C-alpha atoms as a PDB file:
ATOM      1  CA  MET A   1     -22.048 -20.174  -4.212  1.00  0.00           C
ATOM      2  CA  ASN A   2     -22.888 -23.666  -3.036  1.00  0.00           C
ATOM      3  CA  TYR A   3     -23.517 -24.590   0.430  1.00  0.00           C
ATOM      4  CA  ARG A   4     -20.478 -26.840   0.652  1.00  0.00           C
ATOM      5  CA  SER A   5     -18.136 -23.703   0.434  1.00  0.00           C
ATOM      6  CA  LEU A   6     -20.015 -21.514   3.145  1.00  0.00           C
ATOM      7  CA  VAL A   7     -18.923 -24.410   5.405  1.00  0.00           C
ATOM      8  CA  TYR A   8     -15.105 -24.062   4.858  1.00  0.00           C
ATOM      9  CA  LEU A   9     -15.731 -20.397   4.976  1.00  0.00           C
ATOM     10  CA  PHE A  10     -17.102 -20.359   8.306  1.00  0.00           C
ATOM     11  CA  PRO A  11     -15.087 -21.512  10.268  1.00  0.00           C
ATOM     12  CA  LEU A  12     -12.048 -18.879   8.686  1.00  0.00           C
ATOM     13  CA  PHE A  13     -14.884 -16.174   9.762  1.00  0.00           C
ATOM     14  CA  PHE A  14     -14.256 -17.214  14.024  1.00  0.00           C
ATOM     15  CA  ILE A  15     -10.393 -17.457  13.257  1.00  0.00           C
ATOM     16  CA  LEU A  16     -10.492 -13.893  11.476  1.00  0.00           C
ATOM     17  CA  SER A  17     -12.942 -11.910  13.899  1.00  0.00           C
ATOM     18  CA  GLY A  18     -10.540 -13.838  16.868  1.00  0.00           C
ATOM     19  CA  CYS A  19      -8.021 -11.099  15.834  1.00  0.00           C
ATOM     20  CA  ASN A  20      -8.642  -8.187  18.055  1.00  0.00           C
ATOM     21  CA  ALA A  21      -7.675  -4.732  16.372  1.00  0.00           C
ATOM     22  CA  ASN A  22      -8.256  -2.981  19.534  1.00  0.00           C
ATOM     23  CA  ALA A  23      -5.555  -5.075  21.450  1.00  0.00           C
ATOM     24  CA  PRO A  24      -2.975  -2.863  22.443  1.00  0.00           C
ATOM     25  CA  GLN A  25      -0.101  -3.302  19.963  1.00  0.00           C
ATOM     26  CA  THR A  26       3.425  -4.235  21.896  1.00  0.00           C
ATOM     27  CA  ALA A  27       7.422  -4.634  20.683  1.00  0.00           C
ATOM     28  CA  MET A  28       9.173  -6.602  22.042  1.00  0.00           C
ATOM     29  CA  THR A  29      13.268  -5.132  22.706  1.00  0.00           C
ATOM     30  CA  GLU A  30      15.550  -7.868  22.158  1.00  0.00           C
ATOM     31  CA  GLU A  31      17.744  -6.420  24.695  1.00  0.00           C
ATOM     32  CA  ASN A  32      15.504  -6.968  27.758  1.00  0.00           C
ATOM     33  CA  LEU A  33      12.801  -8.679  26.065  1.00  0.00           C
ATOM     34  CA  VAL A  34      10.255  -6.012  27.922  1.00  0.00           C
ATOM     35  CA  SER A  35       7.076  -5.580  26.165  1.00  0.00           C
ATOM     36  CA  VAL A  36       7.123  -1.776  24.912  1.00  0.00           C
ATOM     37  CA  PRO A  37       3.437   0.041  24.410  1.00  0.00           C
ATOM     38  CA  GLN A  38       3.016   1.926  21.177  1.00  0.00           C
ATOM     39  CA  ILE A  39       1.373   5.216  21.642  1.00  0.00           C
ATOM     40  CA  GLN A  40      -2.330   4.600  20.581  1.00  0.00           C
ATOM     41  CA  ILE A  41      -3.862   7.851  18.375  1.00  0.00           C
ATOM     42  CA  GLU A  42      -7.757   7.354  17.806  1.00  0.00           C
ATOM     43  CA  THR A  43      -7.475  10.138  14.994  1.00  0.00           C
ATOM     44  CA  THR A  44      -4.932   9.236  11.468  1.00  0.00           C
ATOM     45  CA  GLU A  45      -1.798   8.714  12.166  1.00  0.00           C
ATOM     46  CA  ILE A  46       0.310  12.326  13.142  1.00  0.00           C
ATOM     47  CA  HIS A  47       2.727  13.144  10.654  1.00  0.00           C
ATOM     48  CA  CYS A  48       5.351  15.975  10.813  1.00  0.00           C
ATOM     49  CA  GLN A  49       3.077  19.160   9.416  1.00  0.00           C
ATOM     50  CA  ASP A  50       0.332  18.146  11.588  1.00  0.00           C
ATOM     51  CA  LEU A  51       2.574  18.753  14.754  1.00  0.00           C
ATOM     52  CA  GLN A  52       2.046  22.345  14.451  1.00  0.00           C
ATOM     53  CA  ASN A  53      -2.044  22.078  14.731  1.00  0.00           C
ATOM     54  CA  PRO A  54      -2.542  22.828  18.559  1.00  0.00           C
ATOM     55  CA  ALA A  55      -5.041  19.824  18.527  1.00  0.00           C
ATOM     56  CA  TYR A  56      -2.836  17.365  17.653  1.00  0.00           C
ATOM     57  CA  GLN A  57      -0.386  18.633  20.211  1.00  0.00           C
ATOM     58  CA  GLN A  58      -2.848  17.389  22.809  1.00  0.00           C
ATOM     59  CA  VAL A  59      -3.206  14.208  21.679  1.00  0.00           C
ATOM     60  CA  ILE A  60       0.697  13.917  21.324  1.00  0.00           C
ATOM     61  CA  ILE A  61       1.041  15.372  25.163  1.00  0.00           C
ATOM     62  CA  HIS A  62      -1.657  12.579  26.218  1.00  0.00           C
ATOM     63  CA  ALA A  63       0.144   9.802  24.657  1.00  0.00           C
ATOM     64  CA  ILE A  64       3.281  10.643  26.213  1.00  0.00           C
ATOM     65  CA  ASN A  65       1.955  11.225  29.572  1.00  0.00           C
ATOM     66  CA  GLU A  66       0.126   7.423  28.926  1.00  0.00           C
ATOM     67  CA  ILE A  67       4.532   6.262  28.104  1.00  0.00           C
ATOM     68  CA  ARG A  68       5.408   7.971  31.051  1.00  0.00           C
ATOM     69  CA  GLN A  69       2.841   6.599  33.996  1.00  0.00           C
ATOM     70  CA  HIS A  70       3.753   2.888  33.394  1.00  0.00           C
ATOM     71  CA  PRO A  71       7.684   1.551  34.618  1.00  0.00           C
ATOM     72  CA  ARG A  72       9.684   0.980  32.139  1.00  0.00           C
ATOM     73  CA  GLN A  73      13.269  -0.316  31.464  1.00  0.00           C
ATOM     74  CA  CYS A  74      15.510   1.744  29.035  1.00  0.00           C
ATOM     75  CA  GLY A  75      18.612  -0.244  28.399  1.00  0.00           C
ATOM     76  CA  GLN A  76      19.934  -1.067  31.627  1.00  0.00           C
ATOM     77  CA  GLN A  77      18.388   1.055  34.089  1.00  0.00           C
ATOM     78  CA  HIS A  78      14.727   1.163  35.058  1.00  0.00           C
ATOM     79  CA  PHE A  79      12.415   4.138  35.748  1.00  0.00           C
ATOM     80  CA  ALA A  80       8.943   4.320  37.670  1.00  0.00           C
ATOM     81  CA  ALA A  81       6.432   5.771  36.868  1.00  0.00           C
ATOM     82  CA  ALA A  82       6.586   9.002  36.236  1.00  0.00           C
ATOM     83  CA  ALA A  83       4.682  12.446  37.179  1.00  0.00           C
ATOM     84  CA  PRO A  84       2.690  14.165  33.797  1.00  0.00           C
ATOM     85  CA  LEU A  85       4.342  16.449  31.344  1.00  0.00           C
ATOM     86  CA  THR A  86       3.003  19.937  30.454  1.00  0.00           C
ATOM     87  CA  TRP A  87       3.051  21.247  26.969  1.00  0.00           C
ATOM     88  CA  ASN A  88       5.326  24.152  27.226  1.00  0.00           C
ATOM     89  CA  GLN A  89       4.889  26.539  24.120  1.00  0.00           C
ATOM     90  CA  HIS A  90       8.382  28.129  24.879  1.00  0.00           C
ATOM     91  CA  LEU A  91      10.332  24.286  24.201  1.00  0.00           C
ATOM     92  CA  TYR A  92       7.951  23.969  21.143  1.00  0.00           C
ATOM     93  CA  GLN A  93       9.374  26.962  19.571  1.00  0.00           C
ATOM     94  CA  SER A  94      13.074  25.642  20.268  1.00  0.00           C
ATOM     95  CA  ALA A  95      12.283  22.282  19.388  1.00  0.00           C
ATOM     96  CA  PHE A  96      10.605  23.704  16.122  1.00  0.00           C
ATOM     97  CA  ALA A  97      13.631  26.318  15.492  1.00  0.00           C
ATOM     98  CA  HIS A  98      16.098  23.169  15.975  1.00  0.00           C
ATOM     99  CA  ALA A  99      14.177  21.018  13.710  1.00  0.00           C
ATOM    100  CA  GLU A 100      14.306  23.780  11.026  1.00  0.00           C
ATOM    101  CA  ASP A 101      18.054  24.394  11.628  1.00  0.00           C
ATOM    102  CA  MET A 102      18.418  20.305  10.742  1.00  0.00           C
ATOM    103  CA  ALA A 103      16.090  20.613   8.058  1.00  0.00           C
ATOM    104  CA  SER A 104      17.736  23.422   6.189  1.00  0.00           C
ATOM    105  CA  HIS A 105      21.763  22.689   6.863  1.00  0.00           C
ATOM    106  CA  ASN A 106      20.816  18.455   6.071  1.00  0.00           C
ATOM    107  CA  MET A 107      22.333  17.972   9.761  1.00  0.00           C
ATOM    108  CA  LEU A 108      21.415  15.923  12.579  1.00  0.00           C
ATOM    109  CA  GLY A 109      22.774  16.939  16.506  1.00  0.00           C
ATOM    110  CA  HIS A 110      22.176  18.485  20.021  1.00  0.00           C
ATOM    111  CA  SER A 111      24.360  21.779  18.556  1.00  0.00           C
ATOM    112  CA  SER A 112      22.761  24.216  16.030  1.00  0.00           C
ATOM    113  CA  SER A 113      24.897  24.755  13.045  1.00  0.00           C
ATOM    114  CA  THR A 114      26.025  28.163  14.573  1.00  0.00           C
ATOM    115  CA  GLY A 115      27.151  26.172  17.757  1.00  0.00           C
ATOM    116  CA  LEU A 116      25.135  26.378  19.941  1.00  0.00           C
ATOM    117  CA  ASP A 117      24.043  23.748  22.533  1.00  0.00           C
ATOM    118  CA  LEU A 118      20.398  23.087  24.066  1.00  0.00           C
ATOM    119  CA  LYS A 119      21.120  25.305  27.010  1.00  0.00           C
ATOM    120  CA  ALA A 120      21.738  27.989  24.840  1.00  0.00           C
ATOM    121  CA  ARG A 121      18.798  27.180  22.569  1.00  0.00           C
ATOM    122  CA  LEU A 122      16.704  27.088  25.702  1.00  0.00           C
ATOM    123  CA  LYS A 123      17.705  30.805  26.654  1.00  0.00           C
ATOM    124  CA  GLN A 124      16.864  31.934  23.494  1.00  0.00           C
ATOM    125  CA  SER A 125      13.898  30.796  23.522  1.00  0.00           C
ATOM    126  CA  GLU A 126      12.582  32.160  26.870  1.00  0.00           C
ATOM    127  CA  PHE A 127      12.358  29.034  28.546  1.00  0.00           C
ATOM    128  CA  LYS A 128      11.704  30.064  32.137  1.00  0.00           C
ATOM    129  CA  GLY A 129      12.764  26.205  33.542  1.00  0.00           C
ATOM    130  CA  ARG A 130      16.716  25.265  34.488  1.00  0.00           C
ATOM    131  CA  GLY A 131      18.117  21.814  32.848  1.00  0.00           C
ATOM    132  CA  GLY A 132      16.375  20.345  29.756  1.00  0.00           C
ATOM    133  CA  GLY A 133      16.903  17.195  27.634  1.00  0.00           C
ATOM    134  CA  GLU A 134      16.413  16.996  23.959  1.00  0.00           C
ATOM    135  CA  ASN A 135      16.068  13.865  21.308  1.00  0.00           C
ATOM    136  CA  VAL A 136      16.179  14.514  17.352  1.00  0.00           C
ATOM    137  CA  ALA A 137      15.486  11.751  15.084  1.00  0.00           C
ATOM    138  CA  ARG A 138      15.612  12.035  11.190  1.00  0.00           C
ATOM    139  CA  GLY A 139      13.744  10.495   8.264  1.00  0.00           C
ATOM    140  CA  GLN A 140      10.265   8.978  10.317  1.00  0.00           C
ATOM    141  CA  LYS A 141       7.547   9.706   8.425  1.00  0.00           C
ATOM    142  CA  ASN A 142       4.977   9.861  11.398  1.00  0.00           C
ATOM    143  CA  LEU A 143       4.623  10.164  15.251  1.00  0.00           C
ATOM    144  CA  ASN A 144       4.260   6.384  15.689  1.00  0.00           C
ATOM    145  CA  GLU A 145       7.313   5.415  13.826  1.00  0.00           C
ATOM    146  CA  VAL A 146       9.720   8.353  15.926  1.00  0.00           C
ATOM    147  CA  MET A 147       8.825   7.194  19.364  1.00  0.00           C
ATOM    148  CA  SER A 148       9.141   3.531  18.626  1.00  0.00           C
ATOM    149  CA  VAL A 149      13.283   4.352  17.607  1.00  0.00           C
ATOM    150  CA  TRP A 150      13.275   6.918  20.994  1.00  0.00           C
ATOM    151  CA  LEU A 151      11.893   4.391  23.394  1.00  0.00           C
ATOM    152  CA  THR A 152      13.736   1.484  21.966  1.00  0.00           C
ATOM    153  CA  SER A 153      17.388   3.425  22.490  1.00  0.00           C
ATOM    154  CA  PRO A 154      18.576   3.032  26.101  1.00  0.00           C
ATOM    155  CA  VAL A 155      19.655   7.551  26.023  1.00  0.00           C
ATOM    156  CA  HIS A 156      16.166   8.408  24.475  1.00  0.00           C
ATOM    157  CA  CYS A 157      13.830   6.309  26.699  1.00  0.00           C
ATOM    158  CA  SER A 158      15.386   7.819  29.548  1.00  0.00           C
ATOM    159  CA  ASN A 159      14.863  11.088  28.697  1.00  0.00           C
ATOM    160  CA  LEU A 160      11.308  10.167  28.285  1.00  0.00           C
ATOM    161  CA  MET A 161      10.690   8.899  31.348  1.00  0.00           C
ATOM    162  CA  HIS A 162      13.154  11.035  33.794  1.00  0.00           C
ATOM    163  CA  PRO A 163      11.352  11.919  36.590  1.00  0.00           C
ATOM    164  CA  LYS A 164      13.236  15.583  36.965  1.00  0.00           C
ATOM    165  CA  PHE A 165      11.191  16.528  33.722  1.00  0.00           C
ATOM    166  CA  THR A 166       8.461  18.283  33.909  1.00  0.00           C
ATOM    167  CA  ASP A 167       7.829  20.329  30.846  1.00  0.00           C
ATOM    168  CA  TYR A 168       8.056  18.624  27.010  1.00  0.00           C
ATOM    169  CA  ALA A 169       7.509  19.886  23.255  1.00  0.00           C
ATOM    170  CA  ILE A 170       8.075  18.085  19.981  1.00  0.00           C
ATOM    171  CA  ALA A 171       8.038  19.702  16.921  1.00  0.00           C
ATOM    172  CA  CYS A 172       8.935  18.393  13.076  1.00  0.00           C
ATOM    173  CA  THR A 173       9.518  20.259   9.612  1.00  0.00           C
ATOM    174  CA  SER A 174      10.589  18.385   6.532  1.00  0.00           C
ATOM    175  CA  ASP A 175      13.679  19.262   4.125  1.00  0.00           C
ATOM    176  CA  GLN A 176      13.277  20.900   0.700  1.00  0.00           C
ATOM    177  CA  SER A 177      15.034  17.687  -1.079  1.00  0.00           C
ATOM    178  CA  THR A 178      12.781  15.807  -3.199  1.00  0.00           C
ATOM    179  CA  LYS A 179      12.115  13.024  -0.821  1.00  0.00           C
ATOM    180  CA  GLN A 180      11.116  15.402   1.616  1.00  0.00           C
ATOM    181  CA  LYS A 181      13.047  14.052   4.835  1.00  0.00           C
ATOM    182  CA  SER A 182      11.639  14.998   8.320  1.00  0.00           C
ATOM    183  CA  TYR A 183      13.213  15.811  11.240  1.00  0.00           C
ATOM    184  CA  TRP A 184      11.901  15.712  15.031  1.00  0.00           C
ATOM    185  CA  THR A 185      13.020  17.719  17.945  1.00  0.00           C
ATOM    186  CA  GLN A 186      11.819  16.391  21.319  1.00  0.00           C
ATOM    187  CA  GLN A 187      12.335  18.743  23.961  1.00  0.00           C
ATOM    188  CA  PHE A 188      12.102  18.231  27.607  1.00  0.00           C
ATOM    189  CA  GLY A 189      12.297  21.348  30.816  1.00  0.00           C
ATOM    190  CA  VAL A 190      12.663  21.104  34.221  1.00  0.00           C
ATOM    191  CA  ARG A 191      10.379  24.093  35.771  1.00  0.00           C
END
């Protein structure tokens, strides 16, 4: 390499190094042009099968609480910053059972294959709270993908930001197809 090539490459180095890999990522929604922070996870991306690991569950609850500590516009509704949520193992059991039910019956919805709604499923899991909310999704490969979908949907975003919710869990499982499609269930409860 000659010195003339170095002269041309040197400014390119400074241009590329000016892009900060640690800068917060944001996504703009066309509807309201509000910046939506994305989940930042120091470990590798969290995939469906990782959600069964309690260490990942703590990373997730931290990420959800990071989202809730900032005001957010969910469609036409504005939410102030909300109190942090607590991981709830009964909600996790209920969410996991619903994700498995959806995966085994190739369906997406808030009623089980036997017709149970969220209230009945929470009672089955022995959740000792009142009320609840649920977000479901299918096909996303990792937590960042599914959270991006939920945060840009006014109804799902409202569940994430609703101030009455105190407890939280998220679960995921894959179907038995060759593509192993992921089924996600996120549940919220009120103590």
